[in-house]
């Protein structure tokens, strides 16, 4: 009897520990999040593109209209089990180069500089009609003859 009680208690403790371990937060980092120490290694007017690439890595995006602007974009999130993901850290590091290639300006935007955008859930209607399951499966039956298939 005592042995059964010990097994039950150990089993219950094991179940609680495994359920608790499953509820630990999962953290994801996406993009490039350069640290302040890394950015401090870059001197304005002295370092160039290759120096920046060596210290910070390749940029996430090079500006479409001005190749002298590099963006380093990153986000760190945390999520517990099935609950909504929360943003821990988010930043955009902007490196601007002078025309001759040296670093002219470095600026940083963080989570407080951003805005939430509400998505629209409307659907755009399209021309035509909806096909049913049977029309999709058997719609082409009889449309092709054997002579056309060989050509």
Protein backbone atom coordinates (compact mmCIF):
# COMPACT_ATOMS: atom_id res chain seq x y z
CA UNK A 1 0.00 0.00 0.00
CA UNK A 2 2.81 2.37 0.91
CA UNK A 3 4.62 1.51 -2.33
CA UNK A 4 1.54 2.42 -4.40
CA UNK A 5 1.25 5.76 -2.62
CA UNK A 6 4.93 6.56 -3.30
CA UNK A 7 4.53 5.70 -6.99
CA UNK A 8 1.40 7.86 -7.19
CA UNK A 9 3.17 10.84 -5.57
CA UNK A 10 6.23 10.50 -7.81
CA UNK A 11 4.01 10.19 -10.88
CA UNK A 12 2.04 13.29 -9.89
CA UNK A 13 5.23 15.27 -9.31
CA UNK A 14 6.59 14.13 -12.69
CA UNK A 15 3.36 15.14 -14.44
CA UNK A 16 3.37 18.58 -12.81
CA UNK A 17 7.02 19.14 -13.72
CA UNK A 18 6.47 18.14 -17.34
CA UNK A 19 3.40 20.40 -17.65
CA UNK A 20 5.29 23.29 -16.07
CA UNK A 21 8.24 22.82 -18.45
CA UNK A 22 5.86 23.00 -21.40
CA UNK A 23 4.68 26.45 -20.28
CA UNK A 24 8.08 28.11 -20.39
CA UNK A 25 8.38 31.10 -22.70
CA UNK A 26 9.71 30.63 -26.22
CA UNK A 27 11.83 33.51 -27.43
CA UNK A 28 12.48 34.18 -31.12
CA UNK A 29 14.90 36.64 -32.63
CA UNK A 30 14.35 37.62 -36.23
CA UNK A 31 16.53 39.90 -38.28
CA UNK A 32 19.66 41.64 -37.06
CA UNK A 33 19.77 43.34 -33.64
CA UNK A 34 23.20 45.03 -33.38
CA UNK A 35 24.16 45.88 -29.81
CA UNK A 36 25.20 49.35 -28.66
CA UNK A 37 28.73 48.02 -28.14
CA UNK A 38 28.92 46.92 -31.78
CA UNK A 39 27.63 50.29 -32.99
CA UNK A 40 30.17 52.10 -30.76
CA UNK A 41 32.99 50.43 -32.74
CA UNK A 42 32.01 52.47 -35.82
CA UNK A 43 33.47 55.99 -36.03
CA UNK A 44 31.68 58.60 -38.13
CA UNK A 45 33.74 59.89 -41.04
CA UNK A 46 36.42 57.21 -40.54
CA UNK A 47 34.85 53.82 -41.23
CA UNK A 48 33.36 52.80 -44.57
CA UNK A 49 30.96 50.21 -45.94
CA UNK A 50 33.27 47.23 -45.54
CA UNK A 51 34.04 48.20 -41.93
CA UNK A 52 30.33 48.41 -41.16
CA UNK A 53 29.69 45.08 -42.89
CA UNK A 54 32.49 43.49 -40.82
CA UNK A 55 31.18 44.84 -37.49
CA UNK A 56 27.40 44.61 -38.00
CA UNK A 57 27.07 42.07 -40.79
CA UNK A 58 25.14 42.47 -44.03
CA UNK A 59 22.27 44.96 -43.87
CA UNK A 60 18.69 43.70 -43.78
CA UNK A 61 17.80 46.15 -46.55
CA UNK A 62 19.65 48.68 -48.70
CA UNK A 63 17.44 51.66 -49.49
CA UNK A 64 15.63 51.37 -52.80
CA UNK A 65 16.19 54.98 -53.83
CA UNK A 66 19.55 55.71 -52.17
CA UNK A 67 22.21 53.00 -51.95
CA UNK A 68 24.00 55.09 -49.31
CA UNK A 69 21.42 54.13 -46.66
CA UNK A 70 21.53 50.72 -44.98
CA UNK A 71 18.86 49.36 -42.63
CA UNK A 72 19.40 46.73 -39.93
CA UNK A 73 15.97 45.51 -38.83
CA UNK A 74 15.35 43.12 -35.95
CA UNK A 75 12.75 41.96 -33.45
CA UNK A 76 12.81 39.73 -30.36
CA UNK A 77 9.51 38.18 -29.25
CA UNK A 78 8.32 35.97 -26.43
CA UNK A 79 5.34 33.61 -26.30
CA UNK A 80 3.94 31.42 -23.53
CA UNK A 81 2.22 28.26 -24.80
CA UNK A 82 -0.75 29.28 -26.96
CA UNK A 83 -1.03 32.87 -25.71
CA UNK A 84 -0.46 35.93 -27.89
CA UNK A 85 3.16 36.69 -28.86
CA UNK A 86 4.59 39.82 -27.21
CA UNK A 87 7.38 42.00 -28.57
CA UNK A 88 10.32 42.29 -26.14
CA UNK A 89 12.62 44.34 -28.32
CA UNK A 90 12.30 45.86 -31.76
CA UNK A 91 14.73 48.14 -33.53
CA UNK A 92 15.73 49.61 -36.85
CA UNK A 93 19.33 50.80 -37.11
CA UNK A 94 19.87 53.23 -39.99
CA UNK A 95 23.41 53.76 -41.28
CA UNK A 96 23.87 56.63 -43.75
CA UNK A 97 27.01 56.88 -45.85
CA UNK A 98 28.55 59.95 -47.46
CA UNK A 99 28.98 59.82 -51.27
CA UNK A 100 32.67 58.87 -50.87
CA UNK A 101 31.68 55.85 -48.72
CA UNK A 102 32.43 56.87 -45.12
CA UNK A 103 29.78 56.64 -42.40
CA UNK A 104 27.96 59.98 -42.13
CA UNK A 105 25.21 59.24 -39.56
CA UNK A 106 23.87 56.36 -37.46
CA UNK A 107 20.38 56.51 -36.00
CA UNK A 108 18.25 54.00 -34.13
CA UNK A 109 14.49 53.57 -33.99
CA UNK A 110 12.95 51.30 -31.35
CA UNK A 111 9.56 49.90 -30.40
CA UNK A 112 8.35 53.26 -29.05
CA UNK A 113 8.84 54.85 -32.50
CA UNK A 114 6.51 52.37 -34.18
CA UNK A 115 2.73 52.34 -34.60
CA UNK A 116 0.26 49.47 -34.62
CA UNK A 117 -1.53 49.06 -37.93
CA UNK A 118 -5.04 47.66 -37.99
CA UNK A 119 -5.49 45.14 -40.78
CA UNK A 120 -8.59 45.26 -42.97
CA UNK A 121 -10.32 41.91 -43.33
CA UNK A 122 -12.48 42.71 -46.35
CA UNK A 123 -12.32 40.57 -49.48
CA UNK A 124 -12.14 41.92 -53.00
CA UNK A 125 -14.86 40.39 -55.19
CA UNK A 126 -13.70 38.84 -58.44
CA UNK A 127 -15.46 38.15 -61.72
CA UNK A 128 -16.71 34.69 -62.52
CA UNK A 129 -18.50 32.17 -60.39
CA UNK A 130 -17.64 29.72 -57.64
CA UNK A 131 -17.19 26.14 -58.80
CA UNK A 132 -18.54 23.37 -56.63
CA UNK A 133 -16.50 20.32 -55.63
CA UNK A 134 -17.96 18.06 -58.33
CA UNK A 135 -17.49 20.75 -61.02
CA UNK A 136 -13.85 21.06 -60.03
CA UNK A 137 -13.31 17.29 -60.08
CA UNK A 138 -15.21 16.44 -63.26
CA UNK A 139 -15.21 19.77 -65.13
CA UNK A 140 -12.76 18.69 -67.85
CA UNK A 141 -14.27 15.28 -68.54
CA UNK A 142 -15.07 15.05 -72.27
CA UNK A 143 -13.41 18.34 -73.22
CA UNK A 144 -10.35 16.78 -74.79
CA UNK A 145 -10.31 14.22 -77.56
CA UNK A 146 -7.63 11.56 -78.00
CA UNK A 147 -6.21 13.16 -81.16
CA UNK A 148 -5.49 16.49 -79.46
CA UNK A 149 -3.77 14.86 -76.50
CA UNK A 150 -1.06 13.34 -78.74
CA UNK A 151 -0.10 16.66 -80.38
